[in-house]
Amino acid sequence: MTTKTLESTKPEDTRNLGYQIGAKITPGSIISLVGDLGVGKTVFTQGLAEGLGITEIVNSPTFTLIQIYESGRLPLYHFDVYRIGDESEMDELGYEEYFYGDGVCLVEWANLIEDLMPPETITIEIAKDLKKGFDYRTITITGMVEGLE
């Protein structure tokens, strides 16, 4: 798989990257979104949803584990598995229906369930570098990287 690293100097950059990916992503795609608290995972996801044409308000499903958005050109299944204690809890959510469906799955904290993630997963890692500024982020994408700026 191809890897590309991009820089984000403000939240709008991160949101725009999400938008670009959402505009190009295909049915059945799965995105692993990894990064510490406060790096911009929700901002990225909001941009992705906009790129898919989703008009609903997008928030992190930290306490509900999954949010489903169906108003765009493809449905978005947004998982936040931060509070998953065991991978078997994903079975209770019926994750396979979403992972192997025709929508787009975005899984925040996917590193916590990496054994369940399919090999073709697009991985996006967002990291802070406070030495370069409060809003500076390095975003590393493994997988779908063609045409991203």
C-alpha atoms as a PDB file:
ATOM      1  CA  MET A   1       0.000   0.000   0.000  1.00  0.00           C
ATOM      2  CA  THR A   2       1.067   3.545  -0.674  1.00  0.00           C
ATOM      3  CA  THR A   3       1.721   5.953   2.195  1.00  0.00           C
ATOM      4  CA  LYS A   4       1.597   9.742   2.101  1.00  0.00           C
ATOM      5  CA  THR A   5       2.316  12.220   4.888  1.00  0.00           C
ATOM      6  CA  LEU A   6       0.670  15.641   4.877  1.00  0.00           C
ATOM      7  CA  GLU A   7       0.908  18.634   7.183  1.00  0.00           C
ATOM      8  CA  SER A   8      -2.014  20.474   8.707  1.00  0.00           C
ATOM      9  CA  THR A   9      -1.376  23.878  10.249  1.00  0.00           C
ATOM     10  CA  LYS A  10      -4.988  24.615  11.191  1.00  0.00           C
ATOM     11  CA  PRO A  11      -8.221  22.658  11.727  1.00  0.00           C
ATOM     12  CA  GLU A  12      -9.494  23.760   8.304  1.00  0.00           C
ATOM     13  CA  ASP A  13      -6.618  21.823   6.665  1.00  0.00           C
ATOM     14  CA  THR A  14      -7.620  18.652   8.495  1.00  0.00           C
ATOM     15  CA  ARG A  15     -11.290  19.178   7.613  1.00  0.00           C
ATOM     16  CA  ASN A  16     -10.390  19.804   3.960  1.00  0.00           C
ATOM     17  CA  LEU A  17      -8.403  16.567   3.778  1.00  0.00           C
ATOM     18  CA  GLY A  18     -11.435  14.714   5.135  1.00  0.00           C
ATOM     19  CA  TYR A  19     -13.575  16.441   2.498  1.00  0.00           C
ATOM     20  CA  GLN A  20     -11.221  15.402  -0.315  1.00  0.00           C
ATOM     21  CA  ILE A  21     -11.292  11.782   0.798  1.00  0.00           C
ATOM     22  CA  GLY A  22     -15.080  11.829   1.252  1.00  0.00           C
ATOM     23  CA  ALA A  23     -15.554  13.189  -2.271  1.00  0.00           C
ATOM     24  CA  LYS A  24     -13.497  10.326  -3.764  1.00  0.00           C
ATOM     25  CA  ILE A  25     -14.122   7.366  -1.489  1.00  0.00           C
ATOM     26  CA  THR A  26     -15.934   4.341  -2.847  1.00  0.00           C
ATOM     27  CA  PRO A  27     -18.647   2.068  -1.403  1.00  0.00           C
ATOM     28  CA  GLY A  28     -17.366  -0.560   1.006  1.00  0.00           C
ATOM     29  CA  SER A  29     -14.345   1.487   2.107  1.00  0.00           C
ATOM     30  CA  ILE A  30     -13.117   1.257   5.683  1.00  0.00           C
ATOM     31  CA  ILE A  31     -11.020   3.948   7.359  1.00  0.00           C
ATOM     32  CA  SER A  32      -8.992   3.420  10.512  1.00  0.00           C
ATOM     33  CA  LEU A  33      -8.606   6.796  12.222  1.00  0.00           C
ATOM     34  CA  VAL A  34      -5.937   6.852  14.910  1.00  0.00           C
ATOM     35  CA  GLY A  35      -4.596   9.667  17.087  1.00  0.00           C
ATOM     36  CA  ASP A  36      -4.508  10.938  20.635  1.00  0.00           C
ATOM     37  CA  LEU A  37      -7.356  12.845  22.237  1.00  0.00           C
ATOM     38  CA  GLY A  38      -7.727  16.308  20.750  1.00  0.00           C
ATOM     39  CA  VAL A  39      -5.749  15.801  17.522  1.00  0.00           C
ATOM     40  CA  GLY A  40      -8.675  16.480  15.203  1.00  0.00           C
ATOM     41  CA  LYS A  41     -10.296  13.109  14.533  1.00  0.00           C
ATOM     42  CA  THR A  42     -13.791  14.609  14.751  1.00  0.00           C
ATOM     43  CA  VAL A  43     -12.791  17.568  12.556  1.00  0.00           C
ATOM     44  CA  PHE A  44     -11.468  15.114   9.947  1.00  0.00           C
ATOM     45  CA  THR A  45     -14.678  13.071  10.178  1.00  0.00           C
ATOM     46  CA  GLN A  46     -16.834  16.174   9.732  1.00  0.00           C
ATOM     47  CA  GLY A  47     -14.911  16.960   6.540  1.00  0.00           C
ATOM     48  CA  LEU A  48     -15.292  13.369   5.332  1.00  0.00           C
ATOM     49  CA  ALA A  49     -19.047  13.572   5.919  1.00  0.00           C
ATOM     50  CA  GLU A  50     -19.239  16.858   3.989  1.00  0.00           C
ATOM     51  CA  GLY A  51     -17.336  15.239   1.116  1.00  0.00           C
ATOM     52  CA  LEU A  52     -19.929  12.465   1.103  1.00  0.00           C
ATOM     53  CA  GLY A  53     -22.685  15.100   0.929  1.00  0.00           C
ATOM     54  CA  ILE A  54     -23.947  14.415   4.439  1.00  0.00           C
ATOM     55  CA  THR A  55     -25.908  17.360   5.796  1.00  0.00           C
ATOM     56  CA  GLU A  56     -26.446  16.129   9.351  1.00  0.00           C
ATOM     57  CA  ILE A  57     -24.387  17.381  12.303  1.00  0.00           C
ATOM     58  CA  VAL A  58     -21.492  14.975  12.869  1.00  0.00           C
ATOM     59  CA  ASN A  59     -20.239  14.346  16.399  1.00  0.00           C
ATOM     60  CA  SER A  60     -18.021  11.669  17.880  1.00  0.00           C
ATOM     61  CA  PRO A  61     -20.054   8.641  19.040  1.00  0.00           C
ATOM     62  CA  THR A  62     -17.925   8.134  22.153  1.00  0.00           C
ATOM     63  CA  PHE A  63     -20.799   6.944  24.340  1.00  0.00           C
ATOM     64  CA  THR A  64     -23.038   5.384  21.681  1.00  0.00           C
ATOM     65  CA  LEU A  65     -20.134   3.616  19.894  1.00  0.00           C
ATOM     66  CA  ILE A  66     -21.700   4.126  16.446  1.00  0.00           C
ATOM     67  CA  GLN A  67     -23.449   6.934  14.598  1.00  0.00           C
ATOM     68  CA  ILE A  68     -25.122   6.291  11.254  1.00  0.00           C
ATOM     69  CA  TYR A  69     -25.481   9.060   8.685  1.00  0.00           C
ATOM     70  CA  GLU A  70     -27.514   8.312   5.576  1.00  0.00           C
ATOM     71  CA  SER A  71     -28.163  11.695   3.963  1.00  0.00           C
ATOM     72  CA  GLY A  72     -25.143  11.618   1.600  1.00  0.00           C
ATOM     73  CA  ARG A  73     -24.222   9.826  -1.616  1.00  0.00           C
ATOM     74  CA  LEU A  74     -23.059   6.901   0.564  1.00  0.00           C
ATOM     75  CA  PRO A  75     -24.000   6.052   4.143  1.00  0.00           C
ATOM     76  CA  LEU A  76     -21.340   6.758   6.763  1.00  0.00           C
ATOM     77  CA  TYR A  77     -20.964   4.393   9.707  1.00  0.00           C
ATOM     78  CA  HIS A  78     -18.902   6.257  12.300  1.00  0.00           C
ATOM     79  CA  PHE A  79     -17.534   4.055  15.079  1.00  0.00           C
ATOM     80  CA  ASP A  80     -15.672   5.244  18.168  1.00  0.00           C
ATOM     81  CA  VAL A  81     -14.248   2.174  19.887  1.00  0.00           C
ATOM     82  CA  TYR A  82     -12.326   4.019  22.612  1.00  0.00           C
ATOM     83  CA  ARG A  83     -14.596   2.535  25.281  1.00  0.00           C
ATOM     84  CA  ILE A  84     -14.606  -1.021  23.898  1.00  0.00           C
ATOM     85  CA  GLY A  85     -13.294  -3.309  26.612  1.00  0.00           C
ATOM     86  CA  ASP A  86     -13.076  -6.402  24.439  1.00  0.00           C
ATOM     87  CA  GLU A  87     -13.280  -7.049  20.706  1.00  0.00           C
ATOM     88  CA  SER A  88     -16.290  -9.329  21.320  1.00  0.00           C
ATOM     89  CA  GLU A  89     -18.328  -6.168  22.051  1.00  0.00           C
ATOM     90  CA  MET A  90     -18.018  -5.372  18.352  1.00  0.00           C
ATOM     91  CA  ASP A  91     -19.990  -8.554  17.607  1.00  0.00           C
ATOM     92  CA  GLU A  92     -22.836  -7.170  19.728  1.00  0.00           C
ATOM     93  CA  LEU A  93     -22.855  -4.071  17.498  1.00  0.00           C
ATOM     94  CA  GLY A  94     -23.081  -6.240  14.390  1.00  0.00           C
ATOM     95  CA  TYR A  95     -19.935  -4.597  13.030  1.00  0.00           C
ATOM     96  CA  GLU A  96     -19.558  -7.046  10.122  1.00  0.00           C
ATOM     97  CA  GLU A  97     -22.799  -5.765   8.575  1.00  0.00           C
ATOM     98  CA  TYR A  98     -21.229  -2.304   8.413  1.00  0.00           C
ATOM     99  CA  PHE A  99     -17.624  -3.313   7.611  1.00  0.00           C
ATOM    100  CA  TYR A 100     -18.703  -5.442   4.660  1.00  0.00           C
ATOM    101  CA  GLY A 101     -21.628  -3.323   3.474  1.00  0.00           C
ATOM    102  CA  ASP A 102     -21.983  -0.713   0.758  1.00  0.00           C
ATOM    103  CA  GLY A 103     -21.377   2.354   2.896  1.00  0.00           C
ATOM    104  CA  VAL A 104     -18.194   3.889   4.298  1.00  0.00           C
ATOM    105  CA  CYS A 105     -16.981   2.862   7.755  1.00  0.00           C
ATOM    106  CA  LEU A 106     -14.800   5.176   9.777  1.00  0.00           C
ATOM    107  CA  VAL A 107     -13.414   3.680  12.987  1.00  0.00           C
ATOM    108  CA  GLU A 108     -11.845   6.010  15.534  1.00  0.00           C
ATOM    109  CA  TRP A 109      -9.302   4.287  17.790  1.00  0.00           C
ATOM    110  CA  ALA A 110      -9.214   1.339  15.359  1.00  0.00           C
ATOM    111  CA  ASN A 111      -5.839   0.342  16.809  1.00  0.00           C
ATOM    112  CA  LEU A 112      -7.831  -1.051  19.777  1.00  0.00           C
ATOM    113  CA  ILE A 113      -9.565  -3.589  17.508  1.00  0.00           C
ATOM    114  CA  GLU A 114      -6.852  -4.049  14.889  1.00  0.00           C
ATOM    115  CA  ASP A 115      -7.453  -7.813  14.643  1.00  0.00           C
ATOM    116  CA  LEU A 116     -10.958  -7.083  13.312  1.00  0.00           C
ATOM    117  CA  MET A 117      -9.859  -4.548  10.696  1.00  0.00           C
ATOM    118  CA  PRO A 118      -9.787  -5.911   7.120  1.00  0.00           C
ATOM    119  CA  PRO A 119      -6.458  -5.829   5.216  1.00  0.00           C
ATOM    120  CA  GLU A 120      -7.755  -3.265   2.697  1.00  0.00           C
ATOM    121  CA  THR A 121      -8.436  -0.698   5.438  1.00  0.00           C
ATOM    122  CA  ILE A 122      -7.297   2.861   4.741  1.00  0.00           C
ATOM    123  CA  THR A 123      -5.274   3.988   7.753  1.00  0.00           C
ATOM    124  CA  ILE A 124      -5.112   7.638   8.787  1.00  0.00           C
ATOM    125  CA  GLU A 125      -2.910   8.625  11.697  1.00  0.00           C
ATOM    126  CA  ILE A 126      -3.040  12.164  13.066  1.00  0.00           C
ATOM    127  CA  ALA A 127      -0.269  13.358  15.380  1.00  0.00           C
ATOM    128  CA  LYS A 128       0.464  16.655  17.144  1.00  0.00           C
ATOM    129  CA  ASP A 129       3.865  18.322  17.147  1.00  0.00           C
ATOM    130  CA  LEU A 130       3.614  21.144  19.677  1.00  0.00           C
ATOM    131  CA  LYS A 131       7.138  22.311  18.788  1.00  0.00           C
ATOM    132  CA  LYS A 132       5.685  23.422  15.448  1.00  0.00           C
ATOM    133  CA  GLY A 133       2.594  25.068  16.930  1.00  0.00           C
ATOM    134  CA  PHE A 134      -0.601  24.320  18.824  1.00  0.00           C
ATOM    135  CA  ASP A 135      -2.604  23.501  15.667  1.00  0.00           C
ATOM    136  CA  TYR A 136       0.156  21.717  13.739  1.00  0.00           C
ATOM    137  CA  ARG A 137      -0.611  18.112  12.787  1.00  0.00           C
ATOM    138  CA  THR A 138       1.142  15.447  10.759  1.00  0.00           C
ATOM    139  CA  ILE A 139      -1.378  13.257   8.940  1.00  0.00           C
ATOM    140  CA  THR A 140      -0.137   9.954   7.568  1.00  0.00           C
ATOM    141  CA  ILE A 141      -2.387   8.106   5.152  1.00  0.00           C
ATOM    142  CA  THR A 142      -1.790   4.505   4.143  1.00  0.00           C
ATOM    143  CA  GLY A 143      -4.012   3.351   1.330  1.00  0.00           C
ATOM    144  CA  MET A 144      -6.095   5.743  -0.785  1.00  0.00           C
ATOM    145  CA  VAL A 145      -3.633   8.591  -1.392  1.00  0.00           C
ATOM    146  CA  GLU A 146      -3.860   9.412  -5.097  1.00  0.00           C
ATOM    147  CA  GLY A 147      -4.847  13.024  -5.747  1.00  0.00           C
ATOM    148  CA  LEU A 148      -4.732  14.174  -2.115  1.00  0.00           C
ATOM    149  CA  GLU A 149      -3.124  17.503  -1.263  1.00  0.00           C
END
